[in-house]
Amino acid sequence: MEYGISTLSLVPMRAEPADRAEQVSQLLFGECYSILATQGNWLQIELATDQYRGWIDLKQHSPVRQAYFERWKNARHARVLDLVQLVHSGETAIPIGLGAYLPFYDGSSLHINDQTLQFNGRATTHEQQLTADQVVKVGLSMLKAPYQWGGKSVFGVDCSGLVQQVFGVCGYQLPRDAYQQVAVGEEVHFVAQTRPGDLAFFSNAEGRIIHVGLLLENQQILHAHGEVRIDTLDHEGIYQQDRKRYSHQLRIIKRIIPE
């Protein structure tokens, strides 16, 4: 098996090996993957973090050795806290964003294969999980990011991508999609019992989980719906004051971060 790492700020992962295919997710800078199959100029990959699968363009593939991949997979990595920042490789500056991985970061340098790169922005440590208040703070930094199906960045994010990246930056690895995320954590039975950092999940008419958001103070919710926005949550669902209507039907609330 062969392995790779993203050395670009974002790489689209597609449902099929074609540029016109649906974007199902994205690779962030510094994120490792294994290669499952090859079809023409396309690679089917599986992410080391959450085992999510998709197709990427061969031109955007950067190989790593198996030993590096195994070390990467078994380590916890610092994550970028700035909305936009630069990684320097000699004279080249690579733009990266919130949530990008900094493999084997020592406070100033990171390492990809035998290459050493420099980073001087804000980053989490790889040693501890952040508090619920810090999770909320990271989430609020994404406010007004545009909605993008399959997106995982401040320049375009979907509802589950927002939740996964916010928690991931803070040291909590969640699955990629909302229907997978709902299996994590402990149920909170009443909206009045929620705390900042809890997750609310929403279903369609068939009962399928289709949306997720991050709970804030005073029964407000941060979620990606057209943009990353703040609305009100009650026992029925998300109420959008500006549009005078409910946008999502509440199904269940889960607590990821214990007291």
C-alpha atoms as a PDB file:
ATOM      1  CA  MET A   1       0.000   0.000   0.000  1.00  0.00           C
ATOM      2  CA  GLU A   2       1.107   3.567  -0.701  1.00  0.00           C
ATOM      3  CA  TYR A   3       0.589   6.654   1.431  1.00  0.00           C
ATOM      4  CA  GLY A   4       0.402  10.427   1.103  1.00  0.00           C
ATOM      5  CA  ILE A   5       0.007  13.758   2.847  1.00  0.00           C
ATOM      6  CA  SER A   6      -1.581  17.033   1.818  1.00  0.00           C
ATOM      7  CA  THR A   7       0.985  19.779   1.199  1.00  0.00           C
ATOM      8  CA  LEU A   8      -1.706  22.159  -0.096  1.00  0.00           C
ATOM      9  CA  SER A   9      -4.087  24.250   1.992  1.00  0.00           C
ATOM     10  CA  LEU A  10      -7.108  22.271   0.732  1.00  0.00           C
ATOM     11  CA  VAL A  11      -7.587  19.289  -1.579  1.00  0.00           C
ATOM     12  CA  PRO A  12     -11.106  18.281  -2.667  1.00  0.00           C
ATOM     13  CA  MET A  13     -12.152  14.682  -2.073  1.00  0.00           C
ATOM     14  CA  ARG A  14     -14.743  13.532  -4.591  1.00  0.00           C
ATOM     15  CA  ALA A  15     -17.346  10.771  -4.660  1.00  0.00           C
ATOM     16  CA  GLU A  16     -16.095   9.500  -8.017  1.00  0.00           C
ATOM     17  CA  PRO A  17     -12.816   9.823  -9.994  1.00  0.00           C
ATOM     18  CA  ALA A  18     -13.850  12.914 -11.961  1.00  0.00           C
ATOM     19  CA  ASP A  19     -13.607  16.692 -11.603  1.00  0.00           C
ATOM     20  CA  ARG A  20     -17.373  16.979 -12.036  1.00  0.00           C
ATOM     21  CA  ALA A  21     -18.115  14.507  -9.241  1.00  0.00           C
ATOM     22  CA  GLU A  22     -19.610  15.607  -5.924  1.00  0.00           C
ATOM     23  CA  GLN A  23     -17.154  16.911  -3.334  1.00  0.00           C
ATOM     24  CA  VAL A  24     -17.699  14.729  -0.267  1.00  0.00           C
ATOM     25  CA  SER A  25     -14.952  16.185   1.926  1.00  0.00           C
ATOM     26  CA  GLN A  26     -11.571  17.897   1.862  1.00  0.00           C
ATOM     27  CA  LEU A  27      -7.988  17.169   2.804  1.00  0.00           C
ATOM     28  CA  LEU A  28      -6.388  19.801   5.005  1.00  0.00           C
ATOM     29  CA  PHE A  29      -2.714  20.727   4.975  1.00  0.00           C
ATOM     30  CA  GLY A  30      -0.649  18.154   6.866  1.00  0.00           C
ATOM     31  CA  GLU A  31      -3.349  15.445   6.822  1.00  0.00           C
ATOM     32  CA  CYS A  32      -2.192  11.893   5.994  1.00  0.00           C
ATOM     33  CA  TYR A  33      -3.967   9.192   4.008  1.00  0.00           C
ATOM     34  CA  SER A  34      -3.524   5.742   2.512  1.00  0.00           C
ATOM     35  CA  ILE A  35      -4.188   4.936  -1.158  1.00  0.00           C
ATOM     36  CA  LEU A  36      -6.833   2.269  -1.760  1.00  0.00           C
ATOM     37  CA  ALA A  37      -7.111   2.287  -5.553  1.00  0.00           C
ATOM     38  CA  THR A  38      -5.950   4.053  -8.715  1.00  0.00           C
ATOM     39  CA  GLN A  39      -8.083   4.913 -11.730  1.00  0.00           C
ATOM     40  CA  GLY A  40      -6.449   6.959 -14.470  1.00  0.00           C
ATOM     41  CA  ASN A  41      -5.214  10.182 -12.897  1.00  0.00           C
ATOM     42  CA  TRP A  42      -7.259   9.661  -9.734  1.00  0.00           C
ATOM     43  CA  LEU A  43      -6.475   8.085  -6.374  1.00  0.00           C
ATOM     44  CA  GLN A  44      -9.039   6.668  -3.981  1.00  0.00           C
ATOM     45  CA  ILE A  45      -7.818   7.504  -0.494  1.00  0.00           C
ATOM     46  CA  GLU A  46      -8.730   6.827   3.128  1.00  0.00           C
ATOM     47  CA  LEU A  47      -7.924   9.454   5.743  1.00  0.00           C
ATOM     48  CA  ALA A  48      -5.759   8.376   8.655  1.00  0.00           C
ATOM     49  CA  THR A  49      -7.831  10.476  11.069  1.00  0.00           C
ATOM     50  CA  ASP A  50     -11.422   9.331  10.517  1.00  0.00           C
ATOM     51  CA  GLN A  51     -11.169   6.629   7.796  1.00  0.00           C
ATOM     52  CA  TYR A  52     -13.254   8.774   5.429  1.00  0.00           C
ATOM     53  CA  ARG A  53     -12.899   7.808   1.767  1.00  0.00           C
ATOM     54  CA  GLY A  54     -12.908   9.766  -1.467  1.00  0.00           C
ATOM     55  CA  TRP A  55     -11.044  10.392  -4.717  1.00  0.00           C
ATOM     56  CA  ILE A  56      -8.310  13.002  -5.202  1.00  0.00           C
ATOM     57  CA  ASP A  57      -6.469  14.181  -8.310  1.00  0.00           C
ATOM     58  CA  LEU A  58      -3.064  12.528  -8.711  1.00  0.00           C
ATOM     59  CA  LYS A  59      -1.547  15.983  -9.333  1.00  0.00           C
ATOM     60  CA  GLN A  60      -2.410  16.945  -5.746  1.00  0.00           C
ATOM     61  CA  HIS A  61      -0.842  13.840  -4.173  1.00  0.00           C
ATOM     62  CA  SER A  62       2.375  14.087  -2.145  1.00  0.00           C
ATOM     63  CA  PRO A  63       3.808  10.672  -1.214  1.00  0.00           C
ATOM     64  CA  VAL A  64       5.179   9.735   2.193  1.00  0.00           C
ATOM     65  CA  ARG A  65       6.953   6.584   3.290  1.00  0.00           C
ATOM     66  CA  GLN A  66       5.071   3.915   5.243  1.00  0.00           C
ATOM     67  CA  ALA A  67       7.208   4.506   8.337  1.00  0.00           C
ATOM     68  CA  TYR A  68       6.285   8.203   8.311  1.00  0.00           C
ATOM     69  CA  PHE A  69       2.590   7.382   7.806  1.00  0.00           C
ATOM     70  CA  GLU A  70       2.589   4.972  10.743  1.00  0.00           C
ATOM     71  CA  ARG A  71       4.301   7.541  12.976  1.00  0.00           C
ATOM     72  CA  TRP A  72       1.813  10.204  11.850  1.00  0.00           C
ATOM     73  CA  LYS A  73      -1.184   7.943  12.448  1.00  0.00           C
ATOM     74  CA  ASN A  74      -0.072   7.005  15.956  1.00  0.00           C
ATOM     75  CA  ALA A  75       0.767  10.568  17.066  1.00  0.00           C
ATOM     76  CA  ARG A  76      -1.367  13.540  18.064  1.00  0.00           C
ATOM     77  CA  HIS A  77      -0.588  16.691  16.101  1.00  0.00           C
ATOM     78  CA  ALA A  78      -0.818  20.399  16.798  1.00  0.00           C
ATOM     79  CA  ARG A  79      -3.537  22.216  14.838  1.00  0.00           C
ATOM     80  CA  VAL A  80      -3.541  25.771  13.492  1.00  0.00           C
ATOM     81  CA  LEU A  81      -5.643  28.256  15.510  1.00  0.00           C
ATOM     82  CA  ASP A  82      -5.329  31.272  13.202  1.00  0.00           C
ATOM     83  CA  LEU A  83      -7.998  31.694  10.535  1.00  0.00           C
ATOM     84  CA  VAL A  84      -5.293  32.128   7.881  1.00  0.00           C
ATOM     85  CA  GLN A  85      -1.568  31.639   8.273  1.00  0.00           C
ATOM     86  CA  LEU A  86       1.584  30.671   6.333  1.00  0.00           C
ATOM     87  CA  VAL A  87       3.945  27.719   6.466  1.00  0.00           C
ATOM     88  CA  HIS A  88       7.402  28.485   5.087  1.00  0.00           C
ATOM     89  CA  SER A  89       9.493  26.009   3.119  1.00  0.00           C
ATOM     90  CA  GLY A  90      12.667  27.858   2.181  1.00  0.00           C
ATOM     91  CA  GLU A  91      11.577  30.767   0.000  1.00  0.00           C
ATOM     92  CA  THR A  92       8.109  29.287  -0.559  1.00  0.00           C
ATOM     93  CA  ALA A  93       5.140  30.345   1.593  1.00  0.00           C
ATOM     94  CA  ILE A  94       2.193  27.932   1.707  1.00  0.00           C
ATOM     95  CA  PRO A  95      -1.166  29.412   2.799  1.00  0.00           C
ATOM     96  CA  ILE A  96      -3.010  27.310   5.376  1.00  0.00           C
ATOM     97  CA  GLY A  97      -6.083  27.839   7.520  1.00  0.00           C
ATOM     98  CA  LEU A  98      -7.728  27.064  10.831  1.00  0.00           C
ATOM     99  CA  GLY A  99      -7.510  23.367  11.646  1.00  0.00           C
ATOM    100  CA  ALA A 100      -4.560  22.547   9.389  1.00  0.00           C
ATOM    101  CA  TYR A 101      -2.288  19.855  10.807  1.00  0.00           C
ATOM    102  CA  LEU A 102       1.266  20.621  11.909  1.00  0.00           C
ATOM    103  CA  PRO A 103       2.984  17.211  11.872  1.00  0.00           C
ATOM    104  CA  PHE A 104       5.502  16.720  14.683  1.00  0.00           C
ATOM    105  CA  TYR A 105       5.451  20.431  15.521  1.00  0.00           C
ATOM    106  CA  ASP A 106       7.968  21.610  18.133  1.00  0.00           C
ATOM    107  CA  GLY A 107       6.816  25.206  18.508  1.00  0.00           C
ATOM    108  CA  SER A 108       8.507  26.543  15.392  1.00  0.00           C
ATOM    109  CA  SER A 109       9.136  23.662  12.965  1.00  0.00           C
ATOM    110  CA  LEU A 110       7.102  20.814  11.505  1.00  0.00           C
ATOM    111  CA  HIS A 111       8.270  17.796   9.553  1.00  0.00           C
ATOM    112  CA  ILE A 112       6.987  16.122   6.392  1.00  0.00           C
ATOM    113  CA  ASN A 113       9.190  13.187   5.407  1.00  0.00           C
ATOM    114  CA  ASP A 114      12.730  14.612   5.456  1.00  0.00           C
ATOM    115  CA  GLN A 115      11.554  18.187   4.924  1.00  0.00           C
ATOM    116  CA  THR A 116      11.464  20.741   7.745  1.00  0.00           C
ATOM    117  CA  LEU A 117       9.030  23.655   7.437  1.00  0.00           C
ATOM    118  CA  GLN A 118       8.572  26.730   9.623  1.00  0.00           C
ATOM    119  CA  PHE A 119       5.387  27.922  11.295  1.00  0.00           C
ATOM    120  CA  ASN A 120       5.163  30.941  13.609  1.00  0.00           C
ATOM    121  CA  GLY A 121       1.420  31.349  14.059  1.00  0.00           C
ATOM    122  CA  ARG A 122      -0.936  30.251  16.828  1.00  0.00           C
ATOM    123  CA  ALA A 123      -1.420  26.535  17.317  1.00  0.00           C
ATOM    124  CA  THR A 124      -2.865  24.118  19.822  1.00  0.00           C
ATOM    125  CA  THR A 125      -0.572  21.737  21.625  1.00  0.00           C
ATOM    126  CA  HIS A 126      -0.882  18.054  20.823  1.00  0.00           C
ATOM    127  CA  GLU A 127      -0.846  17.107  24.494  1.00  0.00           C
ATOM    128  CA  GLN A 128      -4.260  18.060  25.864  1.00  0.00           C
ATOM    129  CA  GLN A 129      -7.940  18.407  25.035  1.00  0.00           C
ATOM    130  CA  LEU A 130      -9.398  21.891  25.378  1.00  0.00           C
ATOM    131  CA  THR A 131     -12.386  22.843  27.522  1.00  0.00           C
ATOM    132  CA  ALA A 132     -15.968  23.324  26.335  1.00  0.00           C
ATOM    133  CA  ASP A 133     -15.516  27.102  26.568  1.00  0.00           C
ATOM    134  CA  GLN A 134     -12.468  26.888  24.320  1.00  0.00           C
ATOM    135  CA  VAL A 135     -14.371  24.691  21.861  1.00  0.00           C
ATOM    136  CA  VAL A 136     -17.061  27.383  21.662  1.00  0.00           C
ATOM    137  CA  LYS A 137     -14.427  30.087  21.157  1.00  0.00           C
ATOM    138  CA  VAL A 138     -12.918  28.193  18.231  1.00  0.00           C
ATOM    139  CA  GLY A 139     -16.384  27.638  16.795  1.00  0.00           C
ATOM    140  CA  LEU A 140     -17.240  31.332  16.963  1.00  0.00           C
ATOM    141  CA  SER A 141     -14.086  32.152  15.007  1.00  0.00           C
ATOM    142  CA  MET A 142     -15.775  30.427  12.034  1.00  0.00           C
ATOM    143  CA  LEU A 143     -18.773  32.758  12.137  1.00  0.00           C
ATOM    144  CA  LYS A 144     -19.826  33.972   8.639  1.00  0.00           C
ATOM    145  CA  ALA A 145     -17.810  31.276   6.836  1.00  0.00           C
ATOM    146  CA  PRO A 146     -19.780  30.370   3.686  1.00  0.00           C
ATOM    147  CA  TYR A 147     -21.571  27.038   3.430  1.00  0.00           C
ATOM    148  CA  GLN A 148     -19.985  24.545   1.038  1.00  0.00           C
ATOM    149  CA  TRP A 149     -21.029  20.915   0.652  1.00  0.00           C
ATOM    150  CA  GLY A 150     -18.092  18.753   1.732  1.00  0.00           C
ATOM    151  CA  GLY A 151     -16.148  21.764   3.033  1.00  0.00           C
ATOM    152  CA  LYS A 152     -13.879  21.728   6.084  1.00  0.00           C
ATOM    153  CA  SER A 153     -12.411  25.254   6.091  1.00  0.00           C
ATOM    154  CA  VAL A 154     -13.215  28.875   6.885  1.00  0.00           C
ATOM    155  CA  PHE A 155     -13.527  29.464   3.122  1.00  0.00           C
ATOM    156  CA  GLY A 156     -16.305  26.887   2.809  1.00  0.00           C
ATOM    157  CA  VAL A 157     -17.724  24.437   5.331  1.00  0.00           C
ATOM    158  CA  ASP A 158     -20.731  22.176   5.774  1.00  0.00           C
ATOM    159  CA  CYS A 159     -22.519  21.517   9.064  1.00  0.00           C
ATOM    160  CA  SER A 160     -20.683  18.338  10.036  1.00  0.00           C
ATOM    161  CA  GLY A 161     -17.375  19.672   8.691  1.00  0.00           C
ATOM    162  CA  LEU A 162     -17.740  22.664  11.008  1.00  0.00           C
ATOM    163  CA  VAL A 163     -18.370  20.444  14.034  1.00  0.00           C
ATOM    164  CA  GLN A 164     -15.626  17.965  13.158  1.00  0.00           C
ATOM    165  CA  GLN A 165     -13.009  20.669  12.631  1.00  0.00           C
ATOM    166  CA  VAL A 166     -13.910  22.697  15.724  1.00  0.00           C
ATOM    167  CA  PHE A 167     -13.718  19.630  17.951  1.00  0.00           C
ATOM    168  CA  GLY A 168     -10.659  18.307  16.109  1.00  0.00           C
ATOM    169  CA  VAL A 169      -8.734  21.524  16.681  1.00  0.00           C
ATOM    170  CA  CYS A 170      -9.561  21.174  20.370  1.00  0.00           C
ATOM    171  CA  GLY A 171      -8.342  17.593  20.601  1.00  0.00           C
ATOM    172  CA  TYR A 172     -11.542  15.577  20.067  1.00  0.00           C
ATOM    173  CA  GLN A 173     -11.643  13.388  16.953  1.00  0.00           C
ATOM    174  CA  LEU A 174     -15.214  13.032  15.667  1.00  0.00           C
ATOM    175  CA  PRO A 175     -16.459  11.186  12.575  1.00  0.00           C
ATOM    176  CA  ARG A 176     -16.980  13.187   9.385  1.00  0.00           C
ATOM    177  CA  ASP A 177     -20.753  13.111   8.791  1.00  0.00           C
ATOM    178  CA  ALA A 178     -23.633  14.124  11.066  1.00  0.00           C
ATOM    179  CA  TYR A 179     -25.259  10.672  10.982  1.00  0.00           C
ATOM    180  CA  GLN A 180     -21.951   9.253  12.277  1.00  0.00           C
ATOM    181  CA  GLN A 181     -21.342  11.983  14.843  1.00  0.00           C
ATOM    182  CA  VAL A 182     -24.698  11.370  16.508  1.00  0.00           C
ATOM    183  CA  ALA A 183     -23.376   8.020  17.799  1.00  0.00           C
ATOM    184  CA  VAL A 184     -20.768   9.808  19.958  1.00  0.00           C
ATOM    185  CA  GLY A 185     -21.297  11.161  23.478  1.00  0.00           C
ATOM    186  CA  GLU A 186     -24.057  11.027  26.073  1.00  0.00           C
ATOM    187  CA  GLU A 187     -27.645  12.108  25.465  1.00  0.00           C
ATOM    188  CA  VAL A 188     -28.968  15.329  27.012  1.00  0.00           C
ATOM    189  CA  HIS A 189     -32.712  14.904  27.427  1.00  0.00           C
ATOM    190  CA  PHE A 190     -33.942  18.498  27.594  1.00  0.00           C
ATOM    191  CA  VAL A 191     -32.919  21.691  25.810  1.00  0.00           C
ATOM    192  CA  ALA A 192     -32.968  23.514  29.157  1.00  0.00           C
ATOM    193  CA  GLN A 193     -30.235  21.151  30.404  1.00  0.00           C
ATOM    194  CA  THR A 194     -27.800  21.873  27.586  1.00  0.00           C
ATOM    195  CA  ARG A 195     -24.381  23.425  28.109  1.00  0.00           C
ATOM    196  CA  PRO A 196     -22.117  25.292  25.705  1.00  0.00           C
ATOM    197  CA  GLY A 197     -20.178  22.707  23.709  1.00  0.00           C
ATOM    198  CA  ASP A 198     -23.048  20.218  23.416  1.00  0.00           C
ATOM    199  CA  LEU A 199     -24.148  19.101  19.955  1.00  0.00           C
ATOM    200  CA  ALA A 200     -27.719  19.184  18.635  1.00  0.00           C
ATOM    201  CA  PHE A 201     -28.738  16.879  15.784  1.00  0.00           C
ATOM    202  CA  PHE A 202     -31.650  17.324  13.412  1.00  0.00           C
ATOM    203  CA  SER A 203     -33.606  14.919  11.211  1.00  0.00           C
ATOM    204  CA  ASN A 204     -35.692  15.047   8.065  1.00  0.00           C
ATOM    205  CA  ALA A 205     -39.252  13.763   7.644  1.00  0.00           C
ATOM    206  CA  GLU A 206     -37.954  10.185   7.282  1.00  0.00           C
ATOM    207  CA  GLY A 207     -36.070  10.432  10.576  1.00  0.00           C
ATOM    208  CA  ARG A 208     -32.607  10.517   8.999  1.00  0.00           C
ATOM    209  CA  ILE A 209     -29.996  12.754  10.673  1.00  0.00           C
ATOM    210  CA  ILE A 210     -29.194  15.527   8.211  1.00  0.00           C
ATOM    211  CA  HIS A 211     -27.837  18.437  10.284  1.00  0.00           C
ATOM    212  CA  VAL A 212     -25.755  19.229  13.369  1.00  0.00           C
ATOM    213  CA  GLY A 213     -24.831  22.357  15.293  1.00  0.00           C
ATOM    214  CA  LEU A 214     -22.820  23.494  18.318  1.00  0.00           C
ATOM    215  CA  LEU A 215     -24.690  24.765  21.376  1.00  0.00           C
ATOM    216  CA  LEU A 216     -23.783  28.154  22.856  1.00  0.00           C
ATOM    217  CA  GLU A 217     -25.057  30.080  25.902  1.00  0.00           C
ATOM    218  CA  ASN A 218     -28.775  30.867  26.328  1.00  0.00           C
ATOM    219  CA  GLN A 219     -29.990  28.072  24.041  1.00  0.00           C
ATOM    220  CA  GLN A 220     -28.334  29.537  20.978  1.00  0.00           C
ATOM    221  CA  ILE A 221     -26.750  27.341  18.331  1.00  0.00           C
ATOM    222  CA  LEU A 222     -23.854  27.831  15.911  1.00  0.00           C
ATOM    223  CA  HIS A 223     -24.344  25.946  12.661  1.00  0.00           C
ATOM    224  CA  ALA A 224     -23.579  26.039   8.935  1.00  0.00           C
ATOM    225  CA  HIS A 225     -26.731  26.862   6.971  1.00  0.00           C
ATOM    226  CA  GLY A 226     -25.978  29.120   4.008  1.00  0.00           C
ATOM    227  CA  GLU A 227     -23.220  30.468   6.223  1.00  0.00           C
ATOM    228  CA  VAL A 228     -21.946  29.761   9.711  1.00  0.00           C
ATOM    229  CA  ARG A 229     -24.565  31.590  11.758  1.00  0.00           C
ATOM    230  CA  ILE A 230     -26.136  31.787  15.216  1.00  0.00           C
ATOM    231  CA  ASP A 231     -29.801  30.951  15.746  1.00  0.00           C
ATOM    232  CA  THR A 232     -32.081  29.935  18.625  1.00  0.00           C
ATOM    233  CA  LEU A 233     -32.741  26.334  19.672  1.00  0.00           C
ATOM    234  CA  ASP A 234     -35.928  25.163  21.387  1.00  0.00           C
ATOM    235  CA  HIS A 235     -37.631  21.789  21.841  1.00  0.00           C
ATOM    236  CA  GLU A 236     -38.923  21.907  18.254  1.00  0.00           C
ATOM    237  CA  GLY A 237     -35.680  22.817  16.512  1.00  0.00           C
ATOM    238  CA  ILE A 238     -33.739  25.766  15.113  1.00  0.00           C
ATOM    239  CA  TYR A 239     -35.698  29.004  14.899  1.00  0.00           C
ATOM    240  CA  GLN A 240     -34.330  31.673  12.573  1.00  0.00           C
ATOM    241  CA  GLN A 241     -35.468  35.034  13.922  1.00  0.00           C
ATOM    242  CA  ASP A 242     -34.556  36.947  10.761  1.00  0.00           C
ATOM    243  CA  ARG A 243     -36.709  34.643   8.635  1.00  0.00           C
ATOM    244  CA  LYS A 244     -39.427  34.039  11.244  1.00  0.00           C
ATOM    245  CA  ARG A 245     -39.433  30.281  10.732  1.00  0.00           C
ATOM    246  CA  TYR A 246     -37.991  26.958  11.866  1.00  0.00           C
ATOM    247  CA  SER A 247     -35.262  25.630   9.602  1.00  0.00           C
ATOM    248  CA  HIS A 248     -34.501  22.251  11.233  1.00  0.00           C
ATOM    249  CA  GLN A 249     -36.398  19.728  13.370  1.00  0.00           C
ATOM    250  CA  LEU A 250     -34.612  18.704  16.581  1.00  0.00           C
ATOM    251  CA  ARG A 251     -33.921  14.982  16.981  1.00  0.00           C
ATOM    252  CA  ILE A 252     -31.394  14.569  19.816  1.00  0.00           C
ATOM    253  CA  ILE A 253     -28.756  16.444  21.846  1.00  0.00           C
ATOM    254  CA  LYS A 254     -25.430  14.837  22.741  1.00  0.00           C
ATOM    255  CA  ARG A 255     -22.684  15.842  25.198  1.00  0.00           C
ATOM    256  CA  ILE A 256     -19.166  15.188  23.910  1.00  0.00           C
ATOM    257  CA  ILE A 257     -17.174  16.916  26.637  1.00  0.00           C
ATOM    258  CA  PRO A 258     -17.886  15.524  30.128  1.00  0.00           C
ATOM    259  CA  GLU A 259     -18.194  17.764  33.166  1.00  0.00           C
END
